[in-house]
Amino acid sequence: AIDVNAVAGRDSILIAVTKYGSGTYRDLYVYLYNVTEGSLTGPFNVSVTKYFEEYPVVAYNPGIDMFAVAYFLSGTSTSPLSITQFNVTLLKFSGDTVVTNITVGPFTTVGGNISYTSVSLNIAPYLNGFMFLHQIINDTDTTNRDIAIHYIMSNGSFIDLPTIVTPGENESLGDIFYIYNPSTQRNSTLYRPYGYAVANNILYVPVYTYGTGVVKLLAITPSLTASYIKVDVGLEPYVAAGASTFAVAYIKGSSITTGYPVAVVYNASTGAVVNSVILSAGGGSSFMSPQNLPFLSFSGGYYVSAWLANNPSSIFAFAFDELGNGVMVSSPLIPTTGGFNMTPIGVRTIGSSFVIVYSGVNSTYTSTLNLYTGQIGVDLPTSTMVGVLYDPLGDDFGAGNITYPTNSVFQPGVFDLKAFYLYQDSNNLYFKVQMRNLGDNPWNGPAGFCLQYIQIYVRTTLSLYTNISTFGLNITVKPGWHYALLLVPGWGDTPVPEGQVSAIYDATGKLLANAYNMTNVFKVTVDPLNNTILAVVSKSLLKDTANVANWAFSIAVAGYDGFAPMKVRPIQAGPSTEWNFGGGDSKAIAAGVQPLAIDVLLPTVSLQQSMLSSYSISPPIYASVYMVTLSGQVLTPTTTTTAPTPTTTPPTTTTPSPTTTTTTTTTTTTTSPTTTTTPTTTTTTTTPTPTTTTPPTTTPPTTTTTTTPPTTTTTTAPALKLLGSVSDPVGDDKGYGGLKYPTADVFKPGVFDITKFAVYTDGQFLYFKVTFKNLGGNPWNGPAGFCLQYIQIYVLTTDKTLPTNTSTFGLNITVGNGWNYALLLAPGWGDTPVPEGQVSAIYDATGKLLANAYNMTNVFKVTVDPLDNNTIIAQVSVSLLKDSANADKWVYLVGVASYDGFSSTKVRTAQPGDPGQWVLGGADPKAVLAGVQPLVIDIVAPTAQDQYTMLSSYDATTGKLAVVYGVTLSGQVVSPTPPPTLPSVPVTTITVTQSTTTTVTETATQTTTVPTTTTYTTETYVTTYDYTPTIAVTGVLVVIALGLLAWLLRRR
């Protein structure tokens, strides 16, 4: 045989091989290997034609229990076909007996013959059949090749999808794959398609356009529409589907010999990019020509990719999770051994195990076929994120006035710090410093960058020797550091500051490691896709690594200058010049105290400006920059020693050790200092840039003393009549069941735990009272008397003529009953109503603002009950709300979220895993990824289980938000009556022609304050029952999902 492919079925493996029939043609045969019995049956002749039948590609569809074999025909050596043809043979077995053998075709290349060295085809199971794709030659341009698409059904009938004509792109679905020896040329060939993935019911097939050098995804929907998604400039793609994402691995760049392997991770529900991942440590690797795929497989929460790299010919591998987090590996997993050059042929993952099939070829054409089996997390390292800190964008100006040098290499953003990530595994710490723009590598720094000088100062939890000096930044770091990581471009073999190699020092000035000849414990590289500089540090170098989550850090970015004594690019007064920063303080420069840091990681721009401006000219004292914990708190010492006073002329040092200063400083952790007077959302630079992976750490609203005290009622009010009250279980402040409070001290137990909701009236006003287990005081002096909670009350009246809405203001839930009015109770800073501002507001279902609690307090005000410090009262004039006479019969959905003045929705976010200082924890990773994680912490419901059930009713696969129902004042949940049970439908009858589309649209008038309109579209059977899209469809989707799951499992 000269070519082979195989696919797993229900209990057998189908093996397709091309065999020499004679000197003029090659036959295609299949074998069936019964896994249970261990028996091999065959060969079965697939086709009766005596042609060259080559490059078999196989697939199995578990929904119809059928195999498919696609292949191409080029005639015979004596009578070649004028036009290349493709066939697809459908095979169904009963035991070891073929019961269905249908050959569909021939499909032609339309315009002419395609050489066997460049032909490409692919086949994938989809819906109730197979999607077959192959190259065709453009009728009008024989140098251009497009992709023909055919949907083949189980009976052999097929539907031709319209071809997407893309002139000049020359699209390919796979490659001739050489098992290759660089010294003696190729030994043998295989054809390998680029794979396929089904995510969210959409089929994705990678396409490489060797005319333009672009990787694309062909996306095919159940309605049989096709479109292209451009991925990147690159080649040799491979695709795999995860649980809630799918990923494309490929060689980035225009050349197989100079490119490097990367992967792009997509959200399966939305199609949005989640992350870009570089797979090869050190950036570009010299890849072996000709073609080699970065194979990709997924299971157990991880993608695994394996590829071939040259010098010498070895196999590298990489594991990363669904958010794109992983550990770059710089050494080959399977090195060249005994003169055999290794070539991977495929990768599969099963649970936490992975298998690499590879071939070895030596100079005498001796070949070996090998299996490498390993464990994800053991043989392939995986990392966990310890924490992340975000830095405001656009603050790359030092103390406020620094301007970039004028040379064109200093592109905008190359000194703008974006984020700092800390990861760890059992052996290493991974320090990731992300820039807004890495600026490429114009002078080819060996580490992959050359413009930046990154200095990371680390303070552990131990009482170690400390230092506050820095390496040429003209600042002091307080309360003092234990280790300094200096990341530089890497020329030569001498560590900074004498040389240009990255180094680690302790506080005594001792060199612990350099990145030249100690790369086994310290190496520095880049991730150019994400503009990130990475330092990998062995835990053996640093003390206290068990407590790394509690360390403090100071990260500074300066311009790198290999000719400067300390390798820090200087700053001058006045305008910038070609190689010098401008905008410096002339007096500070003369005194030798001009800070040379262009950006420092701090929560706000104002903090950076104030700290970098804190120097003294007379006497000359450096500016002080304070360290930050991974929870986002700035460490401010209660007592400090005076910073070392520099001479008028800054000293020039030739030693690698910084100036050491012994300090005896008592430190405490406090809230970050700030110069603002009230929390605000109008200054966007104070909000860290969010990502698709982890929600940003947000700082709390500023502690302030307002001139307007909380409103209280001091006069005798009319007697209140209780319309009704509902008690809520204590201890259910966990949202959908797993949410955890942020770790800051202000979030005391019970501050989000509603215990009671009551409605009163005095004839003129309605009084909505929400009682908490513990209101938590008012630590940031919210004008309304509270500041931690964001209460949202959705009201459905008995007036059926009023418009309704089901969306919410940032809670990520759907109100199942619908609502006519929304009462949003917030702390009350400023004069603008939520969600744009921070003042309580009332909206109707069209989005119209009815009242705010700033200048309409005659009809609406929000206070804390003076008789009960744990109760918030909303006093609303009956003139605002229609049908108020029937308020005792209304349906109420009452929920509380954590208030965050810096969030666009004013709702604090939640992240998977442990909570952060200002971020809720315990979120469902899949829900966060799909954007459906409920952010409400407690709702009024009869039982905790009622709450957990409703808030868990989201669907991360379809992007459907949780549906939550309100209660009456008697405590009864008002939910729709379930429809009659629909008859079960076998999954094998579900085809695109048997389904209709039911669209449920929830609309709201579009204004700047209206919640986002949510539209759900699902495939279902025609029915006249209300609520069918949210209840009855579930069973059908589960059947489909189970079928897809079974197929995915068998594919492995």
Foldseek 3Di string as FASTA:
>chain_A
DAEWDWFFFDQKIKIWDWADPDQWEIFIWIWIQGNVVRDIDDGDGQDPDRFHWDQWEKEAFHQQRKIKIKTKTQGTPVDGDFWIWMKMWIFHDDVRHTPGTDIADGDTLPAGYDDPQAWAWYWYDAFQFIKIKTWHADNVHRVAIWIWIWGAHPVGDIDTADTDDDPQQRKHFWHWAFQADVVQGGLGTYIDGQEWEAALRWIWGWIARLRQQWIWIWIAHQLGDTDIGTDARFDQWHKEDEDQKIKIWTFHDNDQQWTFIKMWIAGRQPRHTLDIEGQAFFGTFGADDDDKHQAWEDDQQKIKTWIFGPPPTAIAMWIAGNNRATDHDHDGLGDDDPQWRKGWDHKYDDNQKIKTWIKTAHPVRDIDTDIDMDGDCPSHNGKDWLFKAFAFFPQLAFLRFKDDADAPLPDPFCQTWGMWTWIDHPWKIKIKTFTPAVSFAVPPQSQGGAWKKKKKFKAAPDPDFFFQDDLPQLAGEPPTGFKIWICHSAPDDDDPPLAGWTFMATLVQDTQDTQRPPVVAWHWHADNVRRMIMIIGTPVSDPRPVRLQFMWMKMFMFTADRPDLRRGAEEDEDPHHNRHMYRWDHLCVQQVRQGRTSDMRALASQLSNVQQPQADSVQGAHGYDFIAHSLRWTKDFPDWDGHDGAGSHHDRDNGRGTDHDGIDTDIDTDHDDDDDAWQAQPPPSNDRDARLAWGHNHGAIAAHDDPAAADDDDDDDADKDWLFKFFFDFPLLCFLRFKADADAPLPDPWLFTWGMWTWIDRPFKIKTKTFIPDVSFARRRQRQGGAWKKKKKFKAAPPPVADWFQDDLPQLAGAQVTGFKMWICFSDPDDDDPPNAGWTFMAGQQGDTQDTQRPVVVAWHWHQHPVDNRMIMIIGTVVSDPNVVRLLFMWMKMFMATAGNNDSSRGAAEGEDPHRNRHMYRWDSLCSSQVRTGRTRDIRANYSVLSSVQQPLADSSNSRHRYHFTAHSVRDTDHDDDDPADDDDSSSPDHSVQWDKDKDWGDHNDDPRHPDTDIGIDIDHDDDDPPCVSPRCVVVVVNVVVSVVVSSSSSD
